Amino acid sequence: MKSNPPPKKTILSKKKSINETDSAVPPLQQNNPVDIPKNEAKKSFTVVAIGASAGGLEAISELLQNVSPTTGMAFIYVQHLSPDHKSMLTSILAKKTKMKVQDIDDMEKLIPNNVYVIPYNKGIEVIDGHIKLIPRSNGGSAISIDILFSSLAETHKENVIGVVLSGSAYDGTTGLRDIKMAGGLTFAQDDSAKFTSMPHSAIADGTVDYIMSPKEIGLELNRISKNPLQVQDTAKKEFAFDFDNSNPDLKNIVQHLQKKKKR
């Protein structure tokens, strides 16, 4: 008598969750729009920060007259001015360019192809990674170009170009150094400056990529706007050689070579 074969076992397979689906089957693509964080969207274009003091009006005017109104960059200009007298700087510069020139009251609202002037009665303060404009008291110290440059280097990284024009003393040197360390580009006005202390201080610090007249700076910004990747690669290679700042002879040699290279 033949025995009946044992009954077949029915194996119940556990239903795979979506995350456990066989990797061989690609998941369906969803066409949901990708939200870009507001802060990232604002930092996706280049910000050109320009600082000057005595003799700066003539220099910035020449620069703006030679820069295209369609570079896709936003320009911020700060000049040492007395807080006791209302400045006509914005209206004067508006006649030098086709870009819109305006006083800035919110550093988070920068728009490309606009020129922003930091008002004479404002100071700068950095709070939680954001640049804030604060009231400047009468008799208070001049607005710091260094703080503006360093703040932008911190918040916008390599998307910053720093420019030091005519002026006395050394404001802007530390800020240019921070921009350079963050991967940005740096300019200083050449001997065409009426007051050379500020640009010379930055040049002597060894962190200036381009030493040019205001006109040449404007034209170079036009070129940069058309070849951003090429310029970024150049910036990464610049100043790989770190020389001793205490050696004036070596500094003079390097500065001379840099100046000839840029021309």
C-alpha atoms as a PDB file:
ATOM      1  CA  MET A   1       0.000   0.000   0.000  1.00  0.00           C
ATOM      2  CA  LYS A   2       1.466   3.268  -1.069  1.00  0.00           C
ATOM      3  CA  SER A   3       1.649   6.006   1.426  1.00  0.00           C
ATOM      4  CA  ASN A   4       0.371   9.363   0.402  1.00  0.00           C
ATOM      5  CA  PRO A   5       3.101  12.001  -0.127  1.00  0.00           C
ATOM      6  CA  PRO A   6       3.348  14.604   2.584  1.00  0.00           C
ATOM      7  CA  PRO A   7       1.320  17.758   1.870  1.00  0.00           C
ATOM      8  CA  LYS A   8       3.175  20.600   0.256  1.00  0.00           C
ATOM      9  CA  LYS A   9       4.046  23.431   2.544  1.00  0.00           C
ATOM     10  CA  THR A  10       2.799  26.791   1.506  1.00  0.00           C
ATOM     11  CA  ILE A  11       5.426  29.461   2.211  1.00  0.00           C
ATOM     12  CA  LEU A  12       3.974  32.872   2.733  1.00  0.00           C
ATOM     13  CA  SER A  13       6.372  35.577   1.640  1.00  0.00           C
ATOM     14  CA  LYS A  14       6.461  38.817   3.583  1.00  0.00           C
ATOM     15  CA  LYS A  15       5.332  41.703   1.424  1.00  0.00           C
ATOM     16  CA  LYS A  16       8.193  44.024   0.766  1.00  0.00           C
ATOM     17  CA  SER A  17       7.879  47.597   1.806  1.00  0.00           C
ATOM     18  CA  ILE A  18       8.652  50.358  -0.650  1.00  0.00           C
ATOM     19  CA  ASN A  19      12.121  50.770   0.811  1.00  0.00           C
ATOM     20  CA  GLU A  20      12.776  47.005   0.524  1.00  0.00           C
ATOM     21  CA  THR A  21      11.803  46.743  -3.147  1.00  0.00           C
ATOM     22  CA  ASP A  22      14.309  44.916  -5.301  1.00  0.00           C
ATOM     23  CA  SER A  23      17.009  47.365  -6.315  1.00  0.00           C
ATOM     24  CA  ALA A  24      16.845  45.999  -9.837  1.00  0.00           C
ATOM     25  CA  VAL A  25      13.518  47.728 -10.265  1.00  0.00           C
ATOM     26  CA  PRO A  26      14.142  51.471 -10.369  1.00  0.00           C
ATOM     27  CA  PRO A  27      11.755  53.547  -8.308  1.00  0.00           C
ATOM     28  CA  LEU A  28       9.299  55.711 -10.136  1.00  0.00           C
ATOM     29  CA  GLN A  29      10.553  59.217 -10.660  1.00  0.00           C
ATOM     30  CA  GLN A  30       8.442  61.964  -9.261  1.00  0.00           C
ATOM     31  CA  ASN A  31       8.224  65.277 -11.005  1.00  0.00           C
ATOM     32  CA  ASN A  32       7.844  67.302  -7.867  1.00  0.00           C
ATOM     33  CA  PRO A  33       9.679  70.627  -8.098  1.00  0.00           C
ATOM     34  CA  VAL A  34      12.897  70.904  -6.110  1.00  0.00           C
ATOM     35  CA  ASP A  35      12.818  73.692  -3.590  1.00  0.00           C
ATOM     36  CA  ILE A  36      16.062  75.648  -3.423  1.00  0.00           C
ATOM     37  CA  PRO A  37      16.739  77.106   0.011  1.00  0.00           C
ATOM     38  CA  LYS A  38      16.325  80.849  -0.057  1.00  0.00           C
ATOM     39  CA  ASN A  39      19.796  81.454   1.319  1.00  0.00           C
ATOM     40  CA  GLU A  40      21.362  79.273  -1.388  1.00  0.00           C
ATOM     41  CA  ALA A  41      19.414  81.028  -4.153  1.00  0.00           C
ATOM     42  CA  LYS A  42      20.612  84.379  -2.938  1.00  0.00           C
ATOM     43  CA  LYS A  43      24.250  83.267  -2.889  1.00  0.00           C
ATOM     44  CA  SER A  44      24.256  81.688  -6.353  1.00  0.00           C
ATOM     45  CA  PHE A  45      25.447  84.879  -8.033  1.00  0.00           C
ATOM     46  CA  THR A  46      28.621  86.849  -7.476  1.00  0.00           C
ATOM     47  CA  VAL A  47      28.678  89.815  -5.122  1.00  0.00           C
ATOM     48  CA  VAL A  48      31.276  92.498  -5.860  1.00  0.00           C
ATOM     49  CA  ALA A  49      32.132  94.379  -2.671  1.00  0.00           C
ATOM     50  CA  ILE A  50      33.942  97.678  -3.237  1.00  0.00           C
ATOM     51  CA  GLY A  51      35.493  99.798  -0.508  1.00  0.00           C
ATOM     52  CA  ALA A  52      37.069 103.245  -0.679  1.00  0.00           C
ATOM     53  CA  SER A  53      37.840 106.333   1.338  1.00  0.00           C
ATOM     54  CA  ALA A  54      39.506 109.574   0.263  1.00  0.00           C
ATOM     55  CA  GLY A  55      39.584 109.864  -3.528  1.00  0.00           C
ATOM     56  CA  GLY A  56      37.127 107.013  -3.867  1.00  0.00           C
ATOM     57  CA  LEU A  57      34.341 108.859  -5.687  1.00  0.00           C
ATOM     58  CA  GLU A  58      36.410 109.425  -8.797  1.00  0.00           C
ATOM     59  CA  ALA A  59      37.627 105.812  -8.735  1.00  0.00           C
ATOM     60  CA  ILE A  60      34.210 104.171  -8.308  1.00  0.00           C
ATOM     61  CA  SER A  61      32.746 106.449 -10.981  1.00  0.00           C
ATOM     62  CA  GLU A  62      35.363 105.320 -13.498  1.00  0.00           C
ATOM     63  CA  LEU A  63      34.834 101.672 -12.554  1.00  0.00           C
ATOM     64  CA  LEU A  64      31.049 101.833 -12.998  1.00  0.00           C
ATOM     65  CA  GLN A  65      31.382 103.609 -16.323  1.00  0.00           C
ATOM     66  CA  ASN A  66      33.347 100.637 -17.664  1.00  0.00           C
ATOM     67  CA  VAL A  67      31.465  97.683 -16.215  1.00  0.00           C
ATOM     68  CA  SER A  68      28.578  96.150 -18.134  1.00  0.00           C
ATOM     69  CA  PRO A  69      25.086  96.556 -16.650  1.00  0.00           C
ATOM     70  CA  THR A  70      24.413  92.876 -17.430  1.00  0.00           C
ATOM     71  CA  THR A  71      27.247  90.992 -15.704  1.00  0.00           C
ATOM     72  CA  GLY A  72      24.812  89.101 -13.475  1.00  0.00           C
ATOM     73  CA  MET A  73      26.688  90.405 -10.439  1.00  0.00           C
ATOM     74  CA  ALA A  74      25.446  92.503  -7.531  1.00  0.00           C
ATOM     75  CA  PHE A  75      27.638  95.445  -6.490  1.00  0.00           C
ATOM     76  CA  ILE A  76      27.947  96.800  -2.944  1.00  0.00           C
ATOM     77  CA  TYR A  77      29.849 100.035  -2.387  1.00  0.00           C
ATOM     78  CA  VAL A  78      30.960 101.458   0.929  1.00  0.00           C
ATOM     79  CA  GLN A  79      32.920 104.680   1.389  1.00  0.00           C
ATOM     80  CA  HIS A  80      34.126 106.347   4.546  1.00  0.00           C
ATOM     81  CA  LEU A  81      31.803 109.320   5.034  1.00  0.00           C
ATOM     82  CA  SER A  82      30.877 111.547   7.927  1.00  0.00           C
ATOM     83  CA  PRO A  83      27.586 110.536   9.623  1.00  0.00           C
ATOM     84  CA  ASP A  84      26.847 114.206  10.313  1.00  0.00           C
ATOM     85  CA  HIS A  85      26.168 115.195   6.704  1.00  0.00           C
ATOM     86  CA  LYS A  86      23.716 113.599   4.325  1.00  0.00           C
ATOM     87  CA  SER A  87      25.461 111.985   1.390  1.00  0.00           C
ATOM     88  CA  MET A  88      24.529 112.511  -2.271  1.00  0.00           C
ATOM     89  CA  LEU A  89      26.580 109.473  -3.227  1.00  0.00           C
ATOM     90  CA  THR A  90      23.674 107.381  -4.518  1.00  0.00           C
ATOM     91  CA  SER A  91      22.353 110.079  -6.849  1.00  0.00           C
ATOM     92  CA  ILE A  92      25.856 110.833  -8.131  1.00  0.00           C
ATOM     93  CA  LEU A  93      26.648 107.195  -8.937  1.00  0.00           C
ATOM     94  CA  ALA A  94      23.253 106.706 -10.596  1.00  0.00           C
ATOM     95  CA  LYS A  95      24.518 108.963 -13.395  1.00  0.00           C
ATOM     96  CA  LYS A  96      27.559 106.741 -13.986  1.00  0.00           C
ATOM     97  CA  THR A  97      25.860 103.442 -14.861  1.00  0.00           C
ATOM     98  CA  LYS A  98      22.725 102.002 -16.428  1.00  0.00           C
ATOM     99  CA  MET A  99      22.312  99.730 -13.416  1.00  0.00           C
ATOM    100  CA  LYS A 100      19.900 100.776 -10.685  1.00  0.00           C
ATOM    101  CA  VAL A 101      21.782 102.488  -7.848  1.00  0.00           C
ATOM    102  CA  GLN A 102      20.136 102.509  -4.439  1.00  0.00           C
ATOM    103  CA  ASP A 103      20.802 102.706  -0.730  1.00  0.00           C
ATOM    104  CA  ILE A 104      20.633  99.276   0.826  1.00  0.00           C
ATOM    105  CA  ASP A 105      18.601  98.557   3.938  1.00  0.00           C
ATOM    106  CA  ASP A 106      18.554  94.737   3.868  1.00  0.00           C
ATOM    107  CA  MET A 107      21.616  92.697   2.930  1.00  0.00           C
ATOM    108  CA  GLU A 108      19.406  89.642   2.330  1.00  0.00           C
ATOM    109  CA  LYS A 109      17.701  91.265  -0.673  1.00  0.00           C
ATOM    110  CA  LEU A 110      20.586  91.643  -3.092  1.00  0.00           C
ATOM    111  CA  ILE A 111      19.629  91.355  -6.779  1.00  0.00           C
ATOM    112  CA  PRO A 112      22.073  90.908  -9.684  1.00  0.00           C
ATOM    113  CA  ASN A 113      22.769  93.870 -11.972  1.00  0.00           C
ATOM    114  CA  ASN A 114      22.096  96.371  -9.192  1.00  0.00           C
ATOM    115  CA  VAL A 115      24.417  98.703  -7.318  1.00  0.00           C
ATOM    116  CA  TYR A 116      23.883  99.048  -3.579  1.00  0.00           C
ATOM    117  CA  VAL A 117      25.375 101.858  -1.523  1.00  0.00           C
ATOM    118  CA  ILE A 118      25.680 101.384   2.223  1.00  0.00           C
ATOM    119  CA  PRO A 119      24.197 104.570   3.725  1.00  0.00           C
ATOM    120  CA  TYR A 120      26.504 107.021   5.457  1.00  0.00           C
ATOM    121  CA  ASN A 121      24.588 106.672   8.732  1.00  0.00           C
ATOM    122  CA  LYS A 122      24.714 102.871   8.951  1.00  0.00           C
ATOM    123  CA  GLY A 123      27.110 100.407  10.486  1.00  0.00           C
ATOM    124  CA  ILE A 124      27.492  96.666   9.972  1.00  0.00           C
ATOM    125  CA  GLU A 125      26.965  93.841  12.420  1.00  0.00           C
ATOM    126  CA  VAL A 126      27.037  90.081  11.846  1.00  0.00           C
ATOM    127  CA  ILE A 127      24.373  88.093  13.744  1.00  0.00           C
ATOM    128  CA  ASP A 128      24.090  84.303  13.369  1.00  0.00           C
ATOM    129  CA  GLY A 129      25.751  84.348   9.962  1.00  0.00           C
ATOM    130  CA  HIS A 130      23.580  87.170   8.635  1.00  0.00           C
ATOM    131  CA  ILE A 131      24.824  90.672   7.811  1.00  0.00           C
ATOM    132  CA  LYS A 132      22.731  93.351   9.458  1.00  0.00           C
ATOM    133  CA  LEU A 133      22.811  97.103   8.996  1.00  0.00           C
ATOM    134  CA  ILE A 134      22.582  99.008  12.261  1.00  0.00           C
ATOM    135  CA  PRO A 135      22.260 102.738  13.021  1.00  0.00           C
ATOM    136  CA  ARG A 136      25.536 104.587  13.295  1.00  0.00           C
ATOM    137  CA  SER A 137      25.723 107.162  16.060  1.00  0.00           C
ATOM    138  CA  ASN A 138      26.894 110.698  15.395  1.00  0.00           C
ATOM    139  CA  GLY A 139      30.630 110.881  15.837  1.00  0.00           C
ATOM    140  CA  GLY A 140      30.896 107.108  15.552  1.00  0.00           C
ATOM    141  CA  SER A 141      33.790 105.508  13.722  1.00  0.00           C
ATOM    142  CA  ALA A 142      33.617 105.151   9.948  1.00  0.00           C
ATOM    143  CA  ILE A 143      31.959 102.028   8.632  1.00  0.00           C
ATOM    144  CA  SER A 144      34.487  99.233   8.352  1.00  0.00           C
ATOM    145  CA  ILE A 145      35.299  97.931   4.896  1.00  0.00           C
ATOM    146  CA  ASP A 146      36.988  94.993   6.597  1.00  0.00           C
ATOM    147  CA  ILE A 147      33.766  93.964   8.327  1.00  0.00           C
ATOM    148  CA  LEU A 148      31.794  94.117   5.078  1.00  0.00           C
ATOM    149  CA  PHE A 149      34.383  92.061   3.180  1.00  0.00           C
ATOM    150  CA  SER A 150      34.864  89.502   5.953  1.00  0.00           C
ATOM    151  CA  SER A 151      31.121  89.137   6.478  1.00  0.00           C
ATOM    152  CA  LEU A 152      30.489  88.475   2.790  1.00  0.00           C
ATOM    153  CA  ALA A 153      33.379  85.987   2.721  1.00  0.00           C
ATOM    154  CA  GLU A 154      31.719  84.103   5.565  1.00  0.00           C
ATOM    155  CA  THR A 155      28.226  84.080   4.092  1.00  0.00           C
ATOM    156  CA  HIS A 156      28.891  83.905   0.325  1.00  0.00           C
ATOM    157  CA  LYS A 157      32.232  82.045   0.247  1.00  0.00           C
ATOM    158  CA  GLU A 158      33.772  81.941  -3.253  1.00  0.00           C
ATOM    159  CA  ASN A 159      30.935  84.022  -4.727  1.00  0.00           C
ATOM    160  CA  VAL A 160      32.571  87.259  -3.585  1.00  0.00           C
ATOM    161  CA  ILE A 161      34.927  89.641  -5.351  1.00  0.00           C
ATOM    162  CA  GLY A 162      36.597  92.266  -3.164  1.00  0.00           C
ATOM    163  CA  VAL A 163      37.865  95.587  -4.529  1.00  0.00           C
ATOM    164  CA  VAL A 164      39.900  98.187  -2.610  1.00  0.00           C
ATOM    165  CA  LEU A 165      40.075 101.608  -4.230  1.00  0.00           C
ATOM    166  CA  SER A 166      41.675 104.912  -3.249  1.00  0.00           C
ATOM    167  CA  GLY A 167      41.874 105.695   0.442  1.00  0.00           C
ATOM    168  CA  SER A 168      44.064 106.434   3.445  1.00  0.00           C
ATOM    169  CA  ALA A 169      45.179 103.980   6.151  1.00  0.00           C
ATOM    170  CA  TYR A 170      44.646 100.223   5.758  1.00  0.00           C
ATOM    171  CA  ASP A 171      40.930  99.412   5.976  1.00  0.00           C
ATOM    172  CA  GLY A 172      40.050  96.546   3.631  1.00  0.00           C
ATOM    173  CA  THR A 173      43.297  94.599   3.914  1.00  0.00           C
ATOM    174  CA  THR A 174      42.035  92.058   6.437  1.00  0.00           C
ATOM    175  CA  GLY A 175      38.745  91.719   4.569  1.00  0.00           C
ATOM    176  CA  LEU A 176      40.475  91.006   1.257  1.00  0.00           C
ATOM    177  CA  ARG A 177      42.523  88.340   2.986  1.00  0.00           C
ATOM    178  CA  ASP A 178      39.332  86.675   4.240  1.00  0.00           C
ATOM    179  CA  ILE A 179      37.771  86.815   0.764  1.00  0.00           C
ATOM    180  CA  LYS A 180      40.876  85.222  -0.721  1.00  0.00           C
ATOM    181  CA  MET A 181      40.905  82.482   1.921  1.00  0.00           C
ATOM    182  CA  ALA A 182      37.227  81.751   1.171  1.00  0.00           C
ATOM    183  CA  GLY A 183      38.024  81.230  -2.517  1.00  0.00           C
ATOM    184  CA  GLY A 184      36.984  84.628  -3.863  1.00  0.00           C
ATOM    185  CA  LEU A 185      38.896  87.077  -6.059  1.00  0.00           C
ATOM    186  CA  THR A 186      40.565  90.293  -4.964  1.00  0.00           C
ATOM    187  CA  PHE A 187      41.425  93.597  -6.655  1.00  0.00           C
ATOM    188  CA  ALA A 188      43.339  96.687  -5.588  1.00  0.00           C
ATOM    189  CA  GLN A 189      43.656  99.987  -7.415  1.00  0.00           C
ATOM    190  CA  ASP A 190      47.058 100.681  -8.886  1.00  0.00           C
ATOM    191  CA  ASP A 191      49.063 103.885  -8.542  1.00  0.00           C
ATOM    192  CA  SER A 192      46.291 105.810 -10.284  1.00  0.00           C
ATOM    193  CA  ALA A 193      44.705 106.110  -6.808  1.00  0.00           C
ATOM    194  CA  LYS A 194      44.757 109.635  -5.397  1.00  0.00           C
ATOM    195  CA  PHE A 195      45.402 108.165  -1.965  1.00  0.00           C
ATOM    196  CA  THR A 196      47.420 104.958  -2.172  1.00  0.00           C
ATOM    197  CA  SER A 197      47.620 103.850   1.471  1.00  0.00           C
ATOM    198  CA  MET A 198      44.610 101.507   1.379  1.00  0.00           C
ATOM    199  CA  PRO A 199      45.400  99.715  -1.885  1.00  0.00           C
ATOM    200  CA  HIS A 200      49.122  99.578  -1.090  1.00  0.00           C
ATOM    201  CA  SER A 201      48.382  98.006   2.293  1.00  0.00           C
ATOM    202  CA  ALA A 202      46.328  95.262   0.638  1.00  0.00           C
ATOM    203  CA  ILE A 203      48.977  94.666  -2.027  1.00  0.00           C
ATOM    204  CA  ALA A 204      51.732  94.437   0.579  1.00  0.00           C
ATOM    205  CA  ASP A 205      49.693  91.816   2.433  1.00  0.00           C
ATOM    206  CA  GLY A 206      50.092  89.495  -0.567  1.00  0.00           C
ATOM    207  CA  THR A 207      46.403  88.698  -1.056  1.00  0.00           C
ATOM    208  CA  VAL A 208      45.606  90.767  -4.164  1.00  0.00           C
ATOM    209  CA  ASP A 209      44.920  88.926  -7.425  1.00  0.00           C
ATOM    210  CA  TYR A 210      44.615  91.966  -9.695  1.00  0.00           C
ATOM    211  CA  ILE A 211      46.353  95.353  -9.446  1.00  0.00           C
ATOM    212  CA  MET A 212      44.613  97.626 -11.943  1.00  0.00           C
ATOM    213  CA  SER A 213      43.148 101.039 -12.638  1.00  0.00           C
ATOM    214  CA  PRO A 214      39.394 101.433 -11.986  1.00  0.00           C
ATOM    215  CA  LYS A 215      38.724 101.273 -15.731  1.00  0.00           C
ATOM    216  CA  GLU A 216      40.698  98.054 -16.059  1.00  0.00           C
ATOM    217  CA  ILE A 217      38.893  96.577 -13.054  1.00  0.00           C
ATOM    218  CA  GLY A 218      35.543  97.273 -14.702  1.00  0.00           C
ATOM    219  CA  LEU A 219      36.643  95.637 -17.952  1.00  0.00           C
ATOM    220  CA  GLU A 220      38.077  92.654 -16.095  1.00  0.00           C
ATOM    221  CA  LEU A 221      34.786  92.140 -14.251  1.00  0.00           C
ATOM    222  CA  ASN A 222      33.083  92.018 -17.645  1.00  0.00           C
ATOM    223  CA  ARG A 223      35.474  89.270 -18.730  1.00  0.00           C
ATOM    224  CA  ILE A 224      35.047  87.371 -15.468  1.00  0.00           C
ATOM    225  CA  SER A 225      31.276  87.381 -15.840  1.00  0.00           C
ATOM    226  CA  LYS A 226      31.655  85.541 -19.156  1.00  0.00           C
ATOM    227  CA  ASN A 227      34.277  83.026 -17.956  1.00  0.00           C
ATOM    228  CA  PRO A 228      33.496  82.279 -14.298  1.00  0.00           C
ATOM    229  CA  LEU A 229      34.858  78.712 -14.245  1.00  0.00           C
ATOM    230  CA  GLN A 230      38.153  79.721 -15.803  1.00  0.00           C
ATOM    231  CA  VAL A 231      38.558  82.485 -13.245  1.00  0.00           C
ATOM    232  CA  GLN A 232      37.748  80.170 -10.329  1.00  0.00           C
ATOM    233  CA  ASP A 233      40.451  77.740 -11.447  1.00  0.00           C
ATOM    234  CA  THR A 234      42.909  80.602 -11.671  1.00  0.00           C
ATOM    235  CA  ALA A 235      41.963  81.830  -8.213  1.00  0.00           C
ATOM    236  CA  LYS A 236      42.658  78.424  -6.687  1.00  0.00           C
ATOM    237  CA  LYS A 237      46.181  78.445  -8.129  1.00  0.00           C
ATOM    238  CA  GLU A 238      47.015  81.984  -7.101  1.00  0.00           C
ATOM    239  CA  PHE A 239      49.189  82.562  -4.049  1.00  0.00           C
ATOM    240  CA  ALA A 240      50.001  78.904  -3.552  1.00  0.00           C
ATOM    241  CA  PHE A 241      53.438  80.276  -2.677  1.00  0.00           C
ATOM    242  CA  ASP A 242      53.338  81.891   0.744  1.00  0.00           C
ATOM    243  CA  PHE A 243      56.190  84.303   1.295  1.00  0.00           C
ATOM    244  CA  ASP A 244      57.503  85.955   4.426  1.00  0.00           C
ATOM    245  CA  ASN A 245      55.724  89.298   4.829  1.00  0.00           C
ATOM    246  CA  SER A 246      58.595  90.560   6.935  1.00  0.00           C
ATOM    247  CA  ASN A 247      60.946  90.492   3.952  1.00  0.00           C
ATOM    248  CA  PRO A 248      60.352  93.776   2.069  1.00  0.00           C
ATOM    249  CA  ASP A 249      62.655  92.880  -0.832  1.00  0.00           C
ATOM    250  CA  LEU A 250      60.846  89.621  -1.511  1.00  0.00           C
ATOM    251  CA  LYS A 251      57.468  91.337  -1.248  1.00  0.00           C
ATOM    252  CA  ASN A 252      58.527  93.941  -3.817  1.00  0.00           C
ATOM    253  CA  ILE A 253      59.652  91.219  -6.234  1.00  0.00           C
ATOM    254  CA  VAL A 254      56.419  89.237  -5.892  1.00  0.00           C
ATOM    255  CA  GLN A 255      54.262  92.361  -6.246  1.00  0.00           C
ATOM    256  CA  HIS A 256      56.162  93.384  -9.372  1.00  0.00           C
ATOM    257  CA  LEU A 257      55.714  89.934 -10.935  1.00  0.00           C
ATOM    258  CA  GLN A 258      52.028  89.858 -10.031  1.00  0.00           C
ATOM    259  CA  LYS A 259      51.432  93.264 -11.563  1.00  0.00           C
ATOM    260  CA  LYS A 260      53.160  92.306 -14.817  1.00  0.00           C
ATOM    261  CA  LYS A 261      51.305  89.003 -14.970  1.00  0.00           C
ATOM    262  CA  LYS A 262      47.899  90.650 -14.728  1.00  0.00           C
ATOM    263  CA  ARG A 263      48.554  93.059 -17.564  1.00  0.00           C
END
